[in-house]
Amino acid sequence: MQLEAGQLRLFLLVVLLISMVATGVELFLLEHTESNTQIIPLVLLGIGFLASLAVAGQPGRVTVAFFRGIMALFVLAGAVGLYLHYRSNIEFELEMNPALAGWDLWRKTMMGATPTLSPGVMSQLGLLGLLYTYRNPRLQSGAAQGKETS
């Protein structure tokens, strides 16, 4: 079975929507709401979900630009989250054992109480959303559609 480009794009959007809901539910169940910085991914997921529905239903220039902007914020939020989780784990590990350094500190930090790499899912979702818009003929302006070759 070979998917056509339109079917593949629809599949990407469905995967994005399901993944945003699953990530939001997981963050909520993990009580990722203790500070303003912890609420940011939940807010972005909600806005991203609505933006995804909007770009699927009304793919105009403004809607697409907004969607792309939100997806770029997903990528940024993932990178910032990775840094915050890593920094939090380093602080915790050094508080527990100030003598830790080098490989041992890095290993314990990566395996710490706060899942260091989990914020990367936000970046993955953002990249998936940007991939959905890449050379998508439905999302091109009238002039650009005539130039579309694939």
C-alpha atoms as a PDB file:
ATOM      1  CA  MET A   1       0.000   0.000   0.000  1.00  0.00           C
ATOM      2  CA  GLN A   2       1.444   3.309  -1.068  1.00  0.00           C
ATOM      3  CA  LEU A   3       0.170   6.535   0.469  1.00  0.00           C
ATOM      4  CA  GLU A   4      -0.368   9.578  -1.697  1.00  0.00           C
ATOM      5  CA  ALA A   5       1.016  12.908  -0.505  1.00  0.00           C
ATOM      6  CA  GLY A   6      -2.405  14.127   0.653  1.00  0.00           C
ATOM      7  CA  GLN A   7      -3.043  10.943   2.611  1.00  0.00           C
ATOM      8  CA  LEU A   8       0.385  11.165   4.219  1.00  0.00           C
ATOM      9  CA  ARG A   9      -0.238  14.766   5.255  1.00  0.00           C
ATOM     10  CA  LEU A  10      -3.592  13.810   6.769  1.00  0.00           C
ATOM     11  CA  PHE A  11      -1.888  10.957   8.626  1.00  0.00           C
ATOM     12  CA  LEU A  12       0.755  13.412   9.956  1.00  0.00           C
ATOM     13  CA  LEU A  13      -1.959  15.747  11.207  1.00  0.00           C
ATOM     14  CA  VAL A  14      -3.902  12.932  12.890  1.00  0.00           C
ATOM     15  CA  VAL A  15      -0.723  11.667  14.584  1.00  0.00           C
ATOM     16  CA  LEU A  16       0.031  15.231  15.708  1.00  0.00           C
ATOM     17  CA  LEU A  17      -3.456  15.698  17.177  1.00  0.00           C
ATOM     18  CA  ILE A  18      -3.420  12.343  18.992  1.00  0.00           C
ATOM     19  CA  SER A  19       0.084  12.989  20.318  1.00  0.00           C
ATOM     20  CA  MET A  20      -0.825  16.451  21.599  1.00  0.00           C
ATOM     21  CA  VAL A  21      -3.823  15.061  23.477  1.00  0.00           C
ATOM     22  CA  ALA A  22      -1.799  12.162  24.923  1.00  0.00           C
ATOM     23  CA  THR A  23       1.048  14.470  25.985  1.00  0.00           C
ATOM     24  CA  GLY A  24      -1.367  16.923  27.577  1.00  0.00           C
ATOM     25  CA  VAL A  25      -3.154  14.174  29.500  1.00  0.00           C
ATOM     26  CA  GLU A  26       0.171  12.757  30.682  1.00  0.00           C
ATOM     27  CA  LEU A  27       1.417  16.149  31.875  1.00  0.00           C
ATOM     28  CA  PHE A  28      -1.865  16.778  33.661  1.00  0.00           C
ATOM     29  CA  LEU A  29      -1.792  13.361  35.359  1.00  0.00           C
ATOM     30  CA  LEU A  30       1.821  13.955  36.400  1.00  0.00           C
ATOM     31  CA  GLU A  31       0.641  17.220  37.988  1.00  0.00           C
ATOM     32  CA  HIS A  32       2.944  19.256  35.762  1.00  0.00           C
ATOM     33  CA  THR A  33       1.188  22.369  37.072  1.00  0.00           C
ATOM     34  CA  GLU A  34       3.218  23.439  40.100  1.00  0.00           C
ATOM     35  CA  SER A  35       4.713  26.578  38.533  1.00  0.00           C
ATOM     36  CA  ASN A  36       4.152  28.921  35.614  1.00  0.00           C
ATOM     37  CA  THR A  37       6.941  27.276  33.634  1.00  0.00           C
ATOM     38  CA  GLN A  38       5.297  23.883  34.106  1.00  0.00           C
ATOM     39  CA  ILE A  39       1.989  25.195  32.780  1.00  0.00           C
ATOM     40  CA  ILE A  40       3.545  26.517  29.540  1.00  0.00           C
ATOM     41  CA  PRO A  41       3.571  23.136  27.744  1.00  0.00           C
ATOM     42  CA  LEU A  42      -0.064  22.505  28.692  1.00  0.00           C
ATOM     43  CA  VAL A  43      -1.105  25.901  27.333  1.00  0.00           C
ATOM     44  CA  LEU A  44       0.924  25.357  24.161  1.00  0.00           C
ATOM     45  CA  LEU A  45      -0.638  21.925  23.670  1.00  0.00           C
ATOM     46  CA  GLY A  46      -4.134  23.392  23.958  1.00  0.00           C
ATOM     47  CA  ILE A  47      -3.373  26.228  21.544  1.00  0.00           C
ATOM     48  CA  GLY A  48      -1.566  23.828  19.216  1.00  0.00           C
ATOM     49  CA  PHE A  49      -4.547  21.472  19.159  1.00  0.00           C
ATOM     50  CA  LEU A  50      -6.904  24.305  18.228  1.00  0.00           C
ATOM     51  CA  ALA A  51      -4.444  25.667  15.659  1.00  0.00           C
ATOM     52  CA  SER A  52      -4.197  22.192  14.095  1.00  0.00           C
ATOM     53  CA  LEU A  53      -7.959  21.984  13.730  1.00  0.00           C
ATOM     54  CA  ALA A  54      -8.030  25.499  12.284  1.00  0.00           C
ATOM     55  CA  VAL A  55      -5.296  24.827   9.714  1.00  0.00           C
ATOM     56  CA  ALA A  56      -7.029  21.598   8.682  1.00  0.00           C
ATOM     57  CA  GLY A  57     -10.402  23.278   8.274  1.00  0.00           C
ATOM     58  CA  GLN A  58      -9.488  26.792   7.104  1.00  0.00           C
ATOM     59  CA  PRO A  59      -5.956  26.759   5.653  1.00  0.00           C
ATOM     60  CA  GLY A  60      -5.602  30.479   4.965  1.00  0.00           C
ATOM     61  CA  ARG A  61      -2.411  32.537   5.055  1.00  0.00           C
ATOM     62  CA  VAL A  62      -3.030  33.821   8.606  1.00  0.00           C
ATOM     63  CA  THR A  63      -4.058  30.408   9.945  1.00  0.00           C
ATOM     64  CA  VAL A  64      -0.998  28.725   8.478  1.00  0.00           C
ATOM     65  CA  ALA A  65       1.342  31.438   9.761  1.00  0.00           C
ATOM     66  CA  PHE A  66      -0.188  31.138  13.233  1.00  0.00           C
ATOM     67  CA  PHE A  67       0.081  27.344  13.141  1.00  0.00           C
ATOM     68  CA  ARG A  68       3.736  27.511  12.075  1.00  0.00           C
ATOM     69  CA  GLY A  69       4.468  30.026  14.815  1.00  0.00           C
ATOM     70  CA  ILE A  70       2.915  27.772  17.446  1.00  0.00           C
ATOM     71  CA  MET A  71       4.874  24.786  16.123  1.00  0.00           C
ATOM     72  CA  ALA A  72       8.084  26.833  16.341  1.00  0.00           C
ATOM     73  CA  LEU A  73       7.172  27.615  19.962  1.00  0.00           C
ATOM     74  CA  PHE A  74       6.754  23.865  20.558  1.00  0.00           C
ATOM     75  CA  VAL A  75      10.330  23.322  19.353  1.00  0.00           C
ATOM     76  CA  LEU A  76      11.602  26.143  21.573  1.00  0.00           C
ATOM     77  CA  ALA A  77       9.593  24.925  24.589  1.00  0.00           C
ATOM     78  CA  GLY A  78      11.091  21.456  24.192  1.00  0.00           C
ATOM     79  CA  ALA A  79      14.633  22.837  24.159  1.00  0.00           C
ATOM     80  CA  VAL A  80      13.984  25.064  27.185  1.00  0.00           C
ATOM     81  CA  GLY A  81      12.328  22.150  29.002  1.00  0.00           C
ATOM     82  CA  LEU A  82      15.330  19.917  28.375  1.00  0.00           C
ATOM     83  CA  TYR A  83      17.571  22.579  29.886  1.00  0.00           C
ATOM     84  CA  LEU A  84      15.302  23.125  32.907  1.00  0.00           C
ATOM     85  CA  HIS A  85      14.950  19.410  33.631  1.00  0.00           C
ATOM     86  CA  TYR A  86      18.705  18.874  33.282  1.00  0.00           C
ATOM     87  CA  ARG A  87      19.546  21.860  35.504  1.00  0.00           C
ATOM     88  CA  SER A  88      17.034  20.739  38.133  1.00  0.00           C
ATOM     89  CA  ASN A  89      18.518  17.244  38.206  1.00  0.00           C
ATOM     90  CA  ILE A  90      22.078  18.579  38.477  1.00  0.00           C
ATOM     91  CA  GLU A  91      21.096  20.769  41.426  1.00  0.00           C
ATOM     92  CA  PHE A  92      19.381  17.829  43.127  1.00  0.00           C
ATOM     93  CA  GLU A  93      22.281  15.421  42.559  1.00  0.00           C
ATOM     94  CA  LEU A  94      24.879  17.923  43.788  1.00  0.00           C
ATOM     95  CA  GLU A  95      22.763  18.644  46.850  1.00  0.00           C
ATOM     96  CA  MET A  96      22.652  14.919  47.597  1.00  0.00           C
ATOM     97  CA  ASN A  97      26.350  14.375  46.845  1.00  0.00           C
ATOM     98  CA  PRO A  98      28.499  17.501  46.332  1.00  0.00           C
ATOM     99  CA  ALA A  99      31.498  15.352  45.345  1.00  0.00           C
ATOM    100  CA  LEU A 100      29.836  14.130  42.148  1.00  0.00           C
ATOM    101  CA  ALA A 101      31.546  15.231  38.945  1.00  0.00           C
ATOM    102  CA  GLY A 102      32.191  14.186  35.367  1.00  0.00           C
ATOM    103  CA  TRP A 103      30.614  11.001  34.049  1.00  0.00           C
ATOM    104  CA  ASP A 104      28.999  10.051  37.367  1.00  0.00           C
ATOM    105  CA  LEU A 105      27.293  13.436  37.675  1.00  0.00           C
ATOM    106  CA  TRP A 106      26.106  13.327  34.062  1.00  0.00           C
ATOM    107  CA  ARG A 107      24.789   9.765  34.384  1.00  0.00           C
ATOM    108  CA  LYS A 108      22.931  10.459  37.628  1.00  0.00           C
ATOM    109  CA  THR A 109      21.560  13.698  36.176  1.00  0.00           C
ATOM    110  CA  MET A 110      20.228  11.942  33.089  1.00  0.00           C
ATOM    111  CA  MET A 111      18.633   9.253  35.276  1.00  0.00           C
ATOM    112  CA  GLY A 112      17.363  11.730  37.880  1.00  0.00           C
ATOM    113  CA  ALA A 113      13.935  12.174  39.410  1.00  0.00           C
ATOM    114  CA  THR A 114      12.892  14.660  36.731  1.00  0.00           C
ATOM    115  CA  PRO A 115      12.828  12.926  33.329  1.00  0.00           C
ATOM    116  CA  THR A 116      15.590  14.863  31.602  1.00  0.00           C
ATOM    117  CA  LEU A 117      14.754  14.042  27.991  1.00  0.00           C
ATOM    118  CA  SER A 118      10.944  14.024  28.176  1.00  0.00           C
ATOM    119  CA  PRO A 119      10.514  17.693  27.173  1.00  0.00           C
ATOM    120  CA  GLY A 120      11.981  16.700  23.817  1.00  0.00           C
ATOM    121  CA  VAL A 121       8.523  15.414  22.909  1.00  0.00           C
ATOM    122  CA  MET A 122       7.411  19.041  22.561  1.00  0.00           C
ATOM    123  CA  SER A 123      10.143  19.646  20.006  1.00  0.00           C
ATOM    124  CA  GLN A 124       9.177  16.471  18.179  1.00  0.00           C
ATOM    125  CA  LEU A 125       5.545  17.584  18.017  1.00  0.00           C
ATOM    126  CA  GLY A 126       6.589  20.998  16.734  1.00  0.00           C
ATOM    127  CA  LEU A 127       8.748  19.457  14.036  1.00  0.00           C
ATOM    128  CA  LEU A 128       5.901  17.127  13.062  1.00  0.00           C
ATOM    129  CA  GLY A 129       3.589  20.122  12.711  1.00  0.00           C
ATOM    130  CA  LEU A 130       6.131  22.001  10.614  1.00  0.00           C
ATOM    131  CA  LEU A 131       6.553  18.908   8.459  1.00  0.00           C
ATOM    132  CA  TYR A 132       2.784  18.892   7.878  1.00  0.00           C
ATOM    133  CA  THR A 133       3.015  22.390   6.383  1.00  0.00           C
ATOM    134  CA  TYR A 134       6.113  21.738   4.263  1.00  0.00           C
ATOM    135  CA  ARG A 135       5.228  22.195   0.582  1.00  0.00           C
ATOM    136  CA  ASN A 136       1.595  21.389   1.337  1.00  0.00           C
ATOM    137  CA  PRO A 137      -0.343  22.623  -1.726  1.00  0.00           C
ATOM    138  CA  ARG A 138      -3.478  23.263   0.356  1.00  0.00           C
ATOM    139  CA  LEU A 139      -1.484  25.691   2.479  1.00  0.00           C
ATOM    140  CA  GLN A 140       0.191  27.637  -0.334  1.00  0.00           C
ATOM    141  CA  SER A 141      -0.945  31.030  -1.580  1.00  0.00           C
ATOM    142  CA  GLY A 142      -2.623  31.136  -4.994  1.00  0.00           C
ATOM    143  CA  ALA A 143       0.590  32.233  -6.739  1.00  0.00           C
ATOM    144  CA  ALA A 144       2.697  29.584  -5.042  1.00  0.00           C
ATOM    145  CA  GLN A 145       0.243  26.783  -5.893  1.00  0.00           C
ATOM    146  CA  GLY A 146       0.896  27.198  -9.595  1.00  0.00           C
ATOM    147  CA  LYS A 147       4.607  26.661  -9.003  1.00  0.00           C
ATOM    148  CA  GLU A 148       4.111  23.507  -6.895  1.00  0.00           C
ATOM    149  CA  THR A 149       5.749  20.552  -8.634  1.00  0.00           C
ATOM    150  CA  SER A 150       5.369  17.768  -6.117  1.00  0.00           C
END
